Protein backbone atom coordinates (compact mmCIF):
# COMPACT_ATOMS: atom_id res chain seq x y z
CA MET A 1 -81.57 136.15 325.58
CA ALA A 2 -80.87 134.53 322.22
CA PRO A 3 -82.22 130.99 321.73
CA SER A 4 -79.75 128.14 321.64
CA PHE A 5 -79.06 126.66 318.21
CA ASP A 6 -76.60 124.00 319.35
CA ASN A 7 -78.67 121.14 317.96
CA GLN A 8 -81.29 120.80 315.28
CA SER A 9 -84.41 120.27 317.36
CA PRO A 10 -84.50 123.66 319.17
CA LEU A 11 -83.65 125.47 315.94
CA PHE A 12 -86.28 123.61 313.92
CA ASP A 13 -88.96 124.25 316.54
CA PHE A 14 -88.07 127.93 316.97
CA VAL A 15 -87.72 128.77 313.28
CA VAL A 16 -90.18 126.42 311.58
CA LYS A 17 -92.81 125.13 314.00
CA ASP A 18 -93.18 128.23 316.17
CA GLY A 19 -93.15 130.56 313.18
CA ASN A 20 -90.25 132.80 314.18
CA GLY A 21 -88.64 132.22 310.81
CA VAL A 22 -85.15 133.20 309.78
CA LYS A 23 -85.97 136.80 310.68
CA GLY A 24 -86.75 135.81 314.27
CA MET A 25 -83.46 133.96 314.43
CA VAL A 26 -81.55 137.00 313.10
CA ASP A 27 -83.41 139.39 315.40
CA SER A 28 -82.41 137.25 318.39
CA GLY A 29 -78.84 138.45 317.99
CA LEU A 30 -77.31 135.84 315.74
CA SER A 31 -73.63 136.44 314.95
CA GLU A 32 -72.94 133.44 312.68
CA VAL A 33 -74.89 131.06 310.50
CA PRO A 34 -76.08 127.92 312.34
CA ASP A 35 -74.84 124.61 311.00
CA GLN A 36 -78.30 123.71 309.69
CA TYR A 37 -78.07 126.57 307.17
CA ILE A 38 -74.55 125.90 305.90
CA GLN A 39 -74.76 124.62 302.35
CA PRO A 40 -72.37 122.03 300.93
CA PRO A 41 -69.59 123.77 298.98
CA HIS A 42 -71.01 122.93 295.54
CA GLU A 43 -74.32 124.66 296.38
CA ARG A 44 -72.83 127.92 297.64
CA ILE A 45 -72.95 131.07 295.51
CA SER A 46 -69.71 132.97 295.10
CA LYS A 47 -69.97 136.46 293.69
CA LEU A 48 -66.45 136.01 292.34
CA ASP A 49 -67.53 133.11 290.12
CA SER A 50 -70.27 134.97 288.27
CA ASN A 51 -70.71 138.28 286.54
CA PRO A 52 -73.74 140.55 286.48
CA HIS A 53 -75.49 140.10 283.16
CA VAL A 54 -77.65 143.03 282.18
CA LEU A 55 -80.54 141.73 280.12
CA THR A 56 -81.62 144.50 277.77
CA PRO A 57 -85.23 145.04 278.84
CA ILE A 58 -87.90 144.20 276.29
CA ASP A 59 -90.40 147.01 275.71
CA LEU A 60 -93.83 145.36 275.59
CA SER A 61 -95.51 148.58 274.49
CA GLN A 62 -93.90 148.07 271.06
CA LEU A 63 -95.92 144.92 270.36
CA ASP A 64 -98.37 145.60 267.52
CA GLY A 65 -96.32 148.63 266.48
CA PRO A 66 -93.60 149.15 263.88
CA ASN A 67 -91.11 147.09 265.94
CA HIS A 68 -93.52 144.22 266.63
CA ASP A 69 -91.45 141.55 264.88
CA GLN A 70 -88.26 142.54 266.70
CA VAL A 71 -90.02 142.37 270.09
CA VAL A 72 -91.46 138.95 269.23
CA GLU A 73 -88.02 137.68 268.24
CA ALA A 74 -86.50 139.01 271.46
CA LEU A 75 -89.15 137.24 273.57
CA VAL A 76 -88.75 133.99 271.63
CA LYS A 77 -84.95 133.98 271.69
CA ALA A 78 -84.84 134.59 275.44
CA SER A 79 -87.39 131.81 276.01
CA GLU A 80 -85.42 129.37 273.86
CA THR A 81 -82.09 130.05 275.56
CA LEU A 82 -81.85 131.55 279.03
CA GLY A 83 -85.53 131.18 279.96
CA PHE A 84 -85.40 134.62 281.64
CA PHE A 85 -86.03 138.13 280.38
CA GLN A 86 -86.92 141.55 281.78
CA VAL A 87 -89.81 143.65 280.50
CA VAL A 88 -90.67 147.35 280.74
CA ASN A 89 -93.82 149.24 279.77
CA HIS A 90 -95.64 146.14 280.96
CA GLY A 91 -98.86 147.81 282.06
CA VAL A 92 -98.29 147.55 285.82
CA PRO A 93 -97.92 151.03 287.36
CA VAL A 94 -94.49 151.68 288.87
CA GLU A 95 -96.14 153.28 291.90
CA LEU A 96 -97.96 149.97 292.53
CA LEU A 97 -94.69 148.04 292.35
CA GLU A 98 -93.26 150.27 295.08
CA ARG A 99 -96.34 149.75 297.24
CA VAL A 100 -96.06 145.98 296.86
CA LYS A 101 -92.42 146.02 298.02
CA ASP A 102 -93.31 148.26 300.98
CA ALA A 103 -96.18 145.95 301.90
CA ALA A 104 -93.85 142.94 301.92
CA HIS A 105 -91.53 144.69 304.38
CA GLN A 106 -94.51 145.66 306.53
CA PHE A 107 -95.73 142.07 306.71
CA PHE A 108 -92.36 140.56 307.66
CA ASN A 109 -91.50 143.31 310.13
CA GLN A 110 -94.49 142.36 312.27
CA PRO A 111 -93.94 140.49 315.56
CA PRO A 112 -93.60 136.71 315.01
CA GLU A 113 -96.98 135.93 316.57
CA LYS A 114 -98.73 138.11 313.98
CA LYS A 115 -97.20 136.08 311.14
CA ALA A 116 -97.52 132.69 312.85
CA VAL A 117 -101.33 132.84 312.59
CA TYR A 118 -100.81 131.90 308.90
CA LEU A 119 -98.70 128.80 309.60
CA LYS A 120 -99.88 125.61 307.91
CA GLY A 121 -102.48 123.90 310.04
CA VAL A 122 -103.66 127.07 311.81
CA SER A 123 -104.06 129.55 308.93
CA PRO A 124 -107.66 130.78 308.53
CA SER A 125 -107.48 129.75 304.87
CA PRO A 126 -105.82 126.78 303.12
CA PHE A 127 -104.88 129.28 300.42
CA VAL A 128 -102.70 131.45 302.68
CA LYS A 129 -99.51 130.02 304.16
CA TYR A 130 -96.60 131.57 306.04
CA GLY A 131 -93.44 129.55 306.29
CA THR A 132 -89.70 129.34 305.87
CA SER A 133 -87.22 127.62 303.54
CA PHE A 134 -88.84 125.34 300.89
CA VAL A 135 -89.57 121.90 302.37
CA PRO A 136 -87.76 122.13 305.74
CA GLU A 137 -88.53 118.53 306.70
CA LYS A 138 -86.75 117.18 303.61
CA GLU A 139 -83.79 119.54 303.26
CA LYS A 140 -80.22 118.72 304.25
CA ALA A 141 -79.50 122.44 304.58
CA LEU A 142 -82.25 125.00 305.16
CA GLU A 143 -82.76 128.03 302.89
CA TRP A 144 -82.28 131.53 304.32
CA LYS A 145 -85.78 132.74 303.48
CA ASP A 146 -89.19 133.40 305.01
CA TYR A 147 -92.29 133.71 302.84
CA VAL A 148 -96.02 134.18 302.75
CA SER A 149 -97.89 132.46 299.94
CA MET A 150 -101.32 133.58 298.72
CA VAL A 151 -103.28 131.51 296.21
CA TYR A 152 -105.86 133.53 294.27
CA THR A 153 -109.34 132.02 294.13
CA SER A 154 -111.52 135.16 294.04
CA ASP A 155 -111.41 138.81 295.04
CA GLU A 156 -113.77 138.06 297.92
CA GLU A 157 -111.56 135.30 299.33
CA ALA A 158 -108.43 137.43 298.97
CA ILE A 159 -109.96 140.42 300.74
CA LYS A 160 -111.27 138.19 303.51
CA TYR A 161 -108.23 136.00 304.15
CA TRP A 162 -105.03 137.52 302.76
CA PRO A 163 -102.93 139.30 305.43
CA GLU A 164 -104.13 142.81 306.23
CA LYS A 165 -100.66 144.35 305.86
CA CYS A 166 -100.25 143.36 302.23
CA LYS A 167 -103.49 142.13 300.68
CA GLU A 168 -104.60 145.24 298.77
CA PRO A 169 -101.40 145.96 296.79
CA ALA A 170 -100.72 142.21 296.38
CA LEU A 171 -104.15 141.61 294.87
CA GLU A 172 -103.86 144.65 292.61
CA PHE A 173 -100.42 143.52 291.40
CA LEU A 174 -101.71 140.03 290.62
CA LYS A 175 -104.71 141.32 288.69
CA THR A 176 -102.93 144.07 286.74
CA SER A 177 -100.26 141.62 285.57
CA THR A 178 -102.83 139.22 284.03
CA LYS A 179 -103.11 140.98 280.66
CA MET A 180 -99.32 141.10 280.27
CA VAL A 181 -99.00 137.37 281.03
CA GLY A 182 -101.67 136.53 278.45
CA ARG A 183 -99.97 138.65 275.81
CA ILE A 184 -96.56 137.07 276.36
CA LEU A 185 -98.02 133.58 276.24
CA GLU A 186 -99.95 134.46 273.09
CA VAL A 187 -96.73 135.59 271.40
CA LEU A 188 -94.73 132.53 272.47
CA LEU A 189 -97.39 130.02 271.48
CA GLY A 190 -98.02 131.90 268.23
CA LYS A 191 -94.39 131.37 267.28
CA LEU A 192 -95.03 127.63 267.71
CA GLY A 193 -97.96 127.85 265.28
CA VAL A 194 -100.54 127.66 268.05
CA THR A 195 -103.34 130.21 268.48
CA LEU A 196 -104.05 130.95 272.14
CA ASP A 197 -107.84 130.91 272.49
CA ASP A 198 -109.77 131.59 275.71
CA SER A 199 -110.07 127.91 276.55
CA MET A 200 -106.33 127.33 276.27
CA ALA A 201 -105.54 130.46 278.24
CA ASP A 202 -107.88 129.27 280.98
CA THR A 203 -106.16 125.87 281.04
CA TYR A 204 -102.55 127.04 281.13
CA THR A 205 -103.00 130.16 283.28
CA GLY A 206 -106.02 129.09 285.33
CA ALA A 207 -104.30 129.27 288.72
CA ARG A 208 -102.23 132.07 290.17
CA MET A 209 -100.26 132.32 293.39
CA LEU A 210 -98.43 135.35 294.73
CA ASN A 211 -95.54 134.89 297.15
CA MET A 212 -93.79 137.51 299.19
CA ASN A 213 -90.25 136.36 299.95
CA PHE A 214 -88.08 137.88 302.66
CA TYR A 215 -84.34 137.31 302.84
CA PRO A 216 -83.02 138.69 306.16
CA THR A 217 -79.47 139.98 306.42
CA CYS A 218 -77.08 137.06 306.79
CA PRO A 219 -73.80 137.15 308.78
CA ASN A 220 -72.11 134.68 306.38
CA PRO A 221 -73.83 134.93 302.98
CA GLU A 222 -71.07 132.93 301.31
CA LEU A 223 -72.16 129.85 303.32
CA THR A 224 -75.90 129.96 302.66
CA VAL A 225 -78.48 130.30 299.89
CA GLY A 226 -81.70 132.28 299.95
CA VAL A 227 -83.24 129.77 297.54
CA GLY A 228 -81.54 126.67 296.21
CA ARG A 229 -81.23 125.92 292.50
CA HIS A 230 -84.54 125.01 290.92
CA SER A 231 -86.88 125.71 288.03
CA ASP A 232 -90.48 126.84 288.55
CA MET A 233 -93.23 124.30 287.97
CA GLY A 234 -95.77 126.55 286.24
CA THR A 235 -96.27 128.20 282.86
CA LEU A 236 -94.76 131.64 283.50
CA THR A 237 -93.47 133.46 286.57
CA VAL A 238 -93.64 137.23 286.97
CA LEU A 239 -91.03 138.47 289.45
CA LEU A 240 -90.72 141.85 291.11
CA GLN A 241 -87.20 142.37 292.48
CA ASP A 242 -86.18 145.13 294.83
CA GLY A 243 -82.99 147.10 294.17
CA ILE A 244 -80.62 144.86 296.13
CA GLY A 245 -80.13 141.98 293.71
CA GLY A 246 -79.11 138.40 294.32
CA LEU A 247 -80.95 136.49 291.55
CA TYR A 248 -78.76 134.03 289.64
CA VAL A 249 -79.69 132.07 286.50
CA LYS A 250 -77.89 129.11 284.95
CA VAL A 251 -76.85 129.48 281.33
CA GLU A 252 -77.43 126.42 279.14
CA ASP A 253 -74.54 125.24 276.99
CA ASP A 254 -76.37 126.18 273.79
CA CYS A 255 -76.88 129.79 274.85
CA ASP A 256 -74.91 132.57 273.19
CA THR A 257 -74.18 134.32 276.47
CA GLY A 258 -71.80 131.84 278.05
CA SER A 259 -70.36 128.38 278.51
CA LYS A 260 -72.12 125.35 279.93
CA GLY A 261 -72.96 125.52 283.60
CA GLU A 262 -72.16 129.21 284.05
CA TRP A 263 -74.26 131.12 286.57
CA ILE A 264 -75.02 134.77 285.85
CA GLU A 265 -76.56 137.39 288.10
CA ILE A 266 -79.65 139.23 286.84
CA PRO A 267 -79.30 142.76 288.26
CA PRO A 268 -82.54 144.61 289.03
CA ILE A 269 -83.67 147.25 286.54
CA PRO A 270 -85.86 150.02 287.98
CA SER A 271 -89.55 149.63 287.01
CA ALA A 272 -88.88 146.36 285.14
CA LEU A 273 -90.44 142.97 285.83
CA VAL A 274 -88.55 139.72 285.41
CA ILE A 275 -90.32 136.95 283.48
CA ASN A 276 -89.16 133.36 283.51
CA ILE A 277 -90.30 130.23 281.71
CA GLY A 278 -91.61 127.42 283.92
CA ASP A 279 -91.55 123.64 283.50
CA THR A 280 -95.13 123.63 282.17
CA LEU A 281 -94.25 125.83 279.20
CA GLN A 282 -91.16 123.73 278.47
CA ILE A 283 -93.44 120.67 278.36
CA LEU A 284 -96.15 122.40 276.27
CA SER A 285 -93.52 123.53 273.75
CA ASN A 286 -92.04 120.01 273.61
CA GLY A 287 -88.74 121.39 274.86
CA LYS A 288 -88.43 124.40 272.54
CA TYR A 289 -88.79 126.89 275.39
CA LYS A 290 -86.52 126.30 278.37
CA SER A 291 -87.57 126.56 281.98
CA ALA A 292 -84.90 128.51 283.80
CA GLU A 293 -82.80 127.01 286.57
CA HIS A 294 -82.20 129.76 289.10
CA ARG A 295 -81.28 130.45 292.72
CA VAL A 296 -80.93 133.35 295.16
CA ARG A 297 -77.93 134.59 297.12
CA THR A 298 -78.24 136.17 300.55
CA THR A 299 -76.62 139.44 301.59
CA SER A 300 -74.97 140.76 304.73
CA THR A 301 -75.90 144.39 304.12
CA GLN A 302 -79.69 144.65 303.76
CA SER A 303 -82.77 142.50 304.04
CA ARG A 304 -84.17 141.79 300.59
CA VAL A 305 -87.70 141.17 299.33
CA SER A 306 -88.91 139.63 296.09
CA ILE A 307 -92.48 139.08 294.97
CA PRO A 308 -93.15 136.36 292.36
CA ILE A 309 -96.50 135.59 290.78
CA PHE A 310 -96.65 131.94 289.71
CA VAL A 311 -99.03 131.40 286.79
CA THR A 312 -99.92 127.71 286.49
CA PRO A 313 -102.60 125.32 285.28
CA ARG A 314 -105.14 124.15 287.85
CA GLN A 315 -104.43 120.87 289.57
CA THR A 316 -107.22 119.15 287.64
CA ASP A 317 -105.93 120.31 284.24
CA LYS A 318 -104.10 117.86 282.01
CA ILE A 319 -100.83 119.01 280.45
CA GLY A 320 -98.48 117.57 277.85
CA PRO A 321 -96.79 118.68 274.63
CA LEU A 322 -99.15 120.63 272.38
CA PRO A 323 -100.41 118.42 269.49
CA GLN A 324 -99.51 121.02 266.86
CA VAL A 325 -95.90 121.07 268.09
CA VAL A 326 -95.64 117.28 268.30
CA GLU A 327 -96.94 116.97 264.76
CA LYS A 328 -94.24 119.35 263.55
CA ASP A 329 -91.49 117.72 265.64
CA GLY A 330 -92.53 114.17 264.83
CA VAL A 331 -92.09 113.02 268.43
CA ALA A 332 -93.35 113.95 271.91
CA HIS A 333 -90.53 114.44 274.41
CA TYR A 334 -92.84 114.47 277.43
CA ARG A 335 -95.85 112.47 278.54
CA GLU A 336 -99.31 113.72 279.47
CA PHE A 337 -100.41 113.98 283.11
CA LEU A 338 -102.53 115.97 285.56
CA PHE A 339 -100.86 119.13 286.78
CA GLY A 340 -101.77 118.20 290.37
CA GLU A 341 -99.54 115.15 290.03
CA TYR A 342 -96.67 117.37 288.96
CA MET A 343 -97.29 119.70 291.93
CA ASN A 344 -97.22 116.83 294.42
CA ASN A 345 -93.93 115.64 293.00
CA PHE A 346 -92.48 119.17 292.96
CA PHE A 347 -93.30 119.92 296.60
CA GLY A 348 -92.44 116.40 297.76
CA LYS A 349 -88.68 116.91 297.81
CA ALA A 350 -85.99 119.53 298.30
CA HIS A 351 -84.83 121.77 295.48
CA GLU A 352 -82.45 120.01 293.11
CA GLY A 353 -82.05 121.94 289.89
CA LYS A 354 -84.33 120.87 287.04
CA LYS A 355 -84.80 117.31 288.27
CA SER A 356 -88.49 118.14 288.72
CA LEU A 357 -88.79 117.71 284.94
CA ASP A 358 -87.81 114.05 285.21
CA PHE A 359 -91.39 113.39 286.29
CA ALA A 360 -92.62 114.44 282.83
CA GLN A 361 -90.17 112.41 280.79
CA LYS A 362 -91.58 109.68 278.58
CA THR A 363 -90.51 106.23 279.65
CA ALA A 364 -88.82 104.01 277.10
CA PRO A 365 -91.16 101.47 275.44
């Protein structure tokens, strides 16, 4: 018998507190979206209002070759405008990418009680968390998404505590992507006149978290969102999409690809990884590189998975505009603060576009 979703309390308990998630709700025989998941009209994603925008993938294997300068320019231009780009020949085996996607499906297709052992408060590790939506307690409309989040501290911790169904490919994906992330950051900072040394790399990429996101089939995808509009808080995000699609990015008004406020879909490219700029890199670059506002649409045809790796500073690291960039610009557009403060602010409220960056703005004298 399907649970009753007539009022918020039973739904919240069933989906959030008991760990059944959106998938448990869908598996119970749901025929329409509950009121708590219906987004206000201005937050809904209409496929009619946006066009797929194929980003020509950037071939990272051509760095340091005859086409090095062109690849650098492509990375820089994308980071200055859309804040999103796709890369191929990135050094992560395609076979591994397929295993990671399969592992995500295996984890979420387990019975609810197998996943609920990783709920906040009962998880065997504070670095592994299973949940749903973003901040359910603070959202006016819940997001149509379940996730498991795994913070990397060491191989030993990951092998011991990460979920059995997905830990091996997830850990391998996180580790094999590290060199690529360092190379991209080296290129982007180099264009700002900054040499990325080991100390800087450790500061700006010192923490890594891998999420597996699961978007169950939705009876009314036009009423919901898988993830609301937001930018990522970290330095760079590496995203593995499956073949279904549903990722939308907002085009800034100074971008060549469209008018102000336009949302474009980023269709999956086989074997490619999506890279997006996070708030931290926008702050470090004093606003030259743009963190990307993005969101995710649900689908009525197939359940979708996506696997992002969030590369961030550690909570105890201090971030602010790089001195070399401020000297060139003549003014700092952001203040300096501990990254942990930024994290607390980011996770303290529901998604609301790029308002997370307000925390970093310099106050008027």
